[in-house]
Every structure is written in structure tokens, then in C-alpha cells.
Amino acid sequence: MPDMILFLLIVLALLATTAVLMTGLGGFARGGEFNRRNGNKLMRWRIIAQAISIALILAFVALRGGG
């Protein structure tokens, strides 16, 4: 059961990372005021989301005894 919960958290973290990445890419491609206001902020949020995703994946692998 903890494996399933952790797996679902990983999926949610990956979806959040993808959403932030796509929003940032869309803003960058369009340019303008949105990109000037939010470009760096979105990049920081993406890095945080990626770090959380990696930490969850590593915890999942450690919990499953995969290394």
C-alpha cells in the first residue's frame, strides 16, 4: 500500500513538473509581459518540482529495494 501511494505521488509530481514546464515554454515562445513577469519564477518552480520528483523516485526505488 505505501508503494502505491508513493507511486501516485510520483505521478502527481511529474504532472506538476510537466505543467510548469509547458506554461514556461508557452510564455517564453509568446514573449511579452507574461514572460517578463513570470519567466524566472516559472523556472524556479520547475526546478523545485523536478527536485521533488527525483526525491520521490529515489525514495520509491529505496523502498522497493532496487539498489
N, C-alpha and C. Protein backbone atom coordinates (compact mmCIF):
# COMPACT_ATOMS: atom_id res chain seq x y z
N MET A 1 0.81 -1.21 0.00
CA MET A 1 0.00 0.00 0.00
C MET A 1 0.85 1.27 0.00
N PRO A 2 1.91 1.36 0.83
CA PRO A 2 2.75 2.56 0.75
C PRO A 2 3.40 2.74 -0.62
N ASP A 3 3.68 1.60 -1.30
CA ASP A 3 4.24 1.68 -2.64
C ASP A 3 3.28 2.39 -3.59
N MET A 4 2.01 2.05 -3.49
CA MET A 4 1.01 2.64 -4.39
C MET A 4 0.84 4.13 -4.12
N ILE A 5 0.82 4.51 -2.86
CA ILE A 5 0.69 5.93 -2.50
C ILE A 5 1.89 6.71 -3.01
N LEU A 6 3.07 6.17 -2.81
CA LEU A 6 4.28 6.83 -3.28
C LEU A 6 4.29 6.92 -4.80
N PHE A 7 3.84 5.87 -5.47
CA PHE A 7 3.77 5.89 -6.93
C PHE A 7 2.81 6.99 -7.41
N LEU A 8 1.67 7.11 -6.76
CA LEU A 8 0.71 8.16 -7.14
C LEU A 8 1.29 9.55 -6.89
N LEU A 9 2.03 9.71 -5.81
CA LEU A 9 2.69 10.99 -5.55
C LEU A 9 3.72 11.31 -6.63
N ILE A 10 4.42 10.29 -7.09
CA ILE A 10 5.39 10.48 -8.18
C ILE A 10 4.68 10.95 -9.44
N VAL A 11 3.57 10.30 -9.76
CA VAL A 11 2.81 10.68 -10.95
C VAL A 11 2.33 12.13 -10.84
N LEU A 12 1.81 12.50 -9.69
CA LEU A 12 1.36 13.88 -9.49
C LEU A 12 2.51 14.88 -9.60
N ALA A 13 3.66 14.52 -9.03
CA ALA A 13 4.82 15.41 -9.11
C ALA A 13 5.30 15.56 -10.55
N LEU A 14 5.28 14.48 -11.30
CA LEU A 14 5.68 14.55 -12.71
C LEU A 14 4.69 15.37 -13.53
N LEU A 15 3.42 15.23 -13.24
CA LEU A 15 2.41 16.04 -13.94
C LEU A 15 2.57 17.52 -13.61
N ALA A 16 2.86 17.81 -12.34
CA ALA A 16 3.09 19.20 -11.94
C ALA A 16 4.32 19.77 -12.64
N THR A 17 5.38 18.98 -12.71
CA THR A 17 6.59 19.42 -13.40
C THR A 17 6.30 19.70 -14.86
N THR A 18 5.57 18.81 -15.49
CA THR A 18 5.22 18.98 -16.91
C THR A 18 4.36 20.23 -17.11
N ALA A 19 3.40 20.45 -16.22
CA ALA A 19 2.53 21.63 -16.35
C ALA A 19 3.33 22.92 -16.22
N VAL A 20 4.23 22.98 -15.24
CA VAL A 20 5.04 24.19 -15.06
C VAL A 20 5.96 24.38 -16.27
N LEU A 21 6.55 23.29 -16.76
CA LEU A 21 7.43 23.37 -17.92
C LEU A 21 6.68 23.88 -19.15
N MET A 22 5.50 23.33 -19.41
CA MET A 22 4.73 23.74 -20.58
C MET A 22 4.27 25.20 -20.47
N THR A 23 3.88 25.62 -19.27
CA THR A 23 3.49 27.01 -19.07
C THR A 23 4.67 27.93 -19.33
N GLY A 24 5.84 27.55 -18.83
CA GLY A 24 7.03 28.37 -19.04
C GLY A 24 7.43 28.43 -20.51
N LEU A 25 7.38 27.29 -21.19
CA LEU A 25 7.71 27.27 -22.61
C LEU A 25 6.72 28.10 -23.43
N GLY A 26 5.45 27.98 -23.09
CA GLY A 26 4.43 28.77 -23.80
C GLY A 26 4.64 30.26 -23.60
N GLY A 27 4.94 30.66 -22.37
CA GLY A 27 5.20 32.06 -22.09
C GLY A 27 6.44 32.56 -22.79
N PHE A 28 7.48 31.73 -22.82
CA PHE A 28 8.72 32.10 -23.48
C PHE A 28 8.51 32.24 -24.99
N ALA A 29 7.74 31.33 -25.57
CA ALA A 29 7.50 31.36 -27.02
C ALA A 29 6.70 32.60 -27.41
N ARG A 30 5.74 32.95 -26.57
CA ARG A 30 4.92 34.13 -26.86
C ARG A 30 5.64 35.43 -26.53
N GLY A 31 6.48 35.37 -25.49
CA GLY A 31 7.18 36.59 -25.07
C GLY A 31 6.20 37.54 -24.39
N GLY A 32 6.48 38.79 -24.45
CA GLY A 32 5.57 39.79 -23.91
C GLY A 32 5.66 39.93 -22.40
N GLU A 33 4.65 40.57 -21.87
CA GLU A 33 4.60 40.93 -20.45
C GLU A 33 4.55 39.70 -19.54
N PHE A 34 3.79 38.68 -19.93
CA PHE A 34 3.69 37.48 -19.10
C PHE A 34 5.06 36.86 -18.89
N ASN A 35 5.84 36.75 -19.95
CA ASN A 35 7.16 36.15 -19.84
C ASN A 35 8.09 37.03 -18.99
N ARG A 36 8.02 38.33 -19.15
CA ARG A 36 8.86 39.23 -18.35
C ARG A 36 8.54 39.12 -16.86
N ARG A 37 7.25 39.01 -16.55
CA ARG A 37 6.84 38.94 -15.15
C ARG A 37 7.09 37.58 -14.53
N ASN A 38 6.88 36.51 -15.29
CA ASN A 38 6.83 35.17 -14.69
C ASN A 38 7.89 34.19 -15.17
N GLY A 39 8.72 34.56 -16.12
CA GLY A 39 9.69 33.62 -16.68
C GLY A 39 10.62 33.02 -15.64
N ASN A 40 11.27 33.86 -14.84
CA ASN A 40 12.21 33.36 -13.83
C ASN A 40 11.49 32.60 -12.72
N LYS A 41 10.32 33.08 -12.35
CA LYS A 41 9.54 32.42 -11.31
C LYS A 41 9.15 31.00 -11.74
N LEU A 42 8.71 30.87 -12.98
CA LEU A 42 8.34 29.55 -13.50
C LEU A 42 9.55 28.62 -13.58
N MET A 43 10.71 29.18 -13.92
CA MET A 43 11.91 28.36 -13.97
C MET A 43 12.26 27.84 -12.58
N ARG A 44 12.13 28.68 -11.56
CA ARG A 44 12.40 28.24 -10.19
C ARG A 44 11.41 27.16 -9.75
N TRP A 45 10.13 27.35 -10.06
CA TRP A 45 9.12 26.36 -9.69
C TRP A 45 9.37 25.04 -10.40
N ARG A 46 9.84 25.09 -11.66
CA ARG A 46 10.13 23.86 -12.39
C ARG A 46 11.28 23.11 -11.72
N ILE A 47 12.30 23.83 -11.33
CA ILE A 47 13.44 23.18 -10.68
C ILE A 47 13.01 22.56 -9.35
N ILE A 48 12.18 23.25 -8.59
CA ILE A 48 11.67 22.70 -7.33
C ILE A 48 10.84 21.45 -7.59
N ALA A 49 9.95 21.51 -8.59
CA ALA A 49 9.11 20.36 -8.92
C ALA A 49 9.95 19.18 -9.39
N GLN A 50 11.00 19.45 -10.14
CA GLN A 50 11.88 18.37 -10.59
C GLN A 50 12.61 17.74 -9.40
N ALA A 51 13.08 18.57 -8.48
CA ALA A 51 13.78 18.05 -7.31
C ALA A 51 12.86 17.17 -6.48
N ILE A 52 11.62 17.59 -6.30
CA ILE A 52 10.66 16.79 -5.55
C ILE A 52 10.40 15.47 -6.27
N SER A 53 10.24 15.53 -7.59
CA SER A 53 10.01 14.32 -8.38
C SER A 53 11.17 13.34 -8.23
N ILE A 54 12.38 13.84 -8.34
CA ILE A 54 13.56 12.97 -8.22
C ILE A 54 13.65 12.37 -6.83
N ALA A 55 13.39 13.18 -5.81
CA ALA A 55 13.44 12.67 -4.43
C ALA A 55 12.40 11.57 -4.22
N LEU A 56 11.21 11.76 -4.77
CA LEU A 56 10.17 10.73 -4.63
C LEU A 56 10.54 9.46 -5.38
N ILE A 57 11.12 9.61 -6.57
CA ILE A 57 11.54 8.43 -7.34
C ILE A 57 12.63 7.68 -6.58
N LEU A 58 13.60 8.39 -6.03
CA LEU A 58 14.65 7.74 -5.26
C LEU A 58 14.10 7.05 -4.02
N ALA A 59 13.13 7.67 -3.36
CA ALA A 59 12.50 7.04 -2.20
C ALA A 59 11.76 5.78 -2.61
N PHE A 60 11.09 5.83 -3.75
CA PHE A 60 10.37 4.66 -4.25
C PHE A 60 11.33 3.50 -4.53
N VAL A 61 12.45 3.82 -5.19
CA VAL A 61 13.44 2.79 -5.51
C VAL A 61 14.03 2.22 -4.22
N ALA A 62 14.33 3.07 -3.26
CA ALA A 62 14.90 2.60 -1.99
C ALA A 62 13.89 1.74 -1.23
N LEU A 63 12.62 2.14 -1.26
CA LEU A 63 11.58 1.39 -0.57
C LEU A 63 11.38 0.00 -1.20
N ARG A 64 11.50 -0.05 -2.50
CA ARG A 64 11.33 -1.33 -3.22
C ARG A 64 12.58 -2.18 -3.16
N GLY A 65 13.67 -1.63 -2.65
CA GLY A 65 14.90 -2.41 -2.55
C GLY A 65 15.60 -2.57 -3.88
N GLY A 66 15.50 -1.56 -4.71
CA GLY A 66 16.08 -1.67 -6.05
C GLY A 66 17.50 -1.16 -6.15
N GLY A 67 18.26 -1.19 -5.13
CA GLY A 67 19.62 -0.76 -5.32
C GLY A 67 20.25 -0.49 -4.03
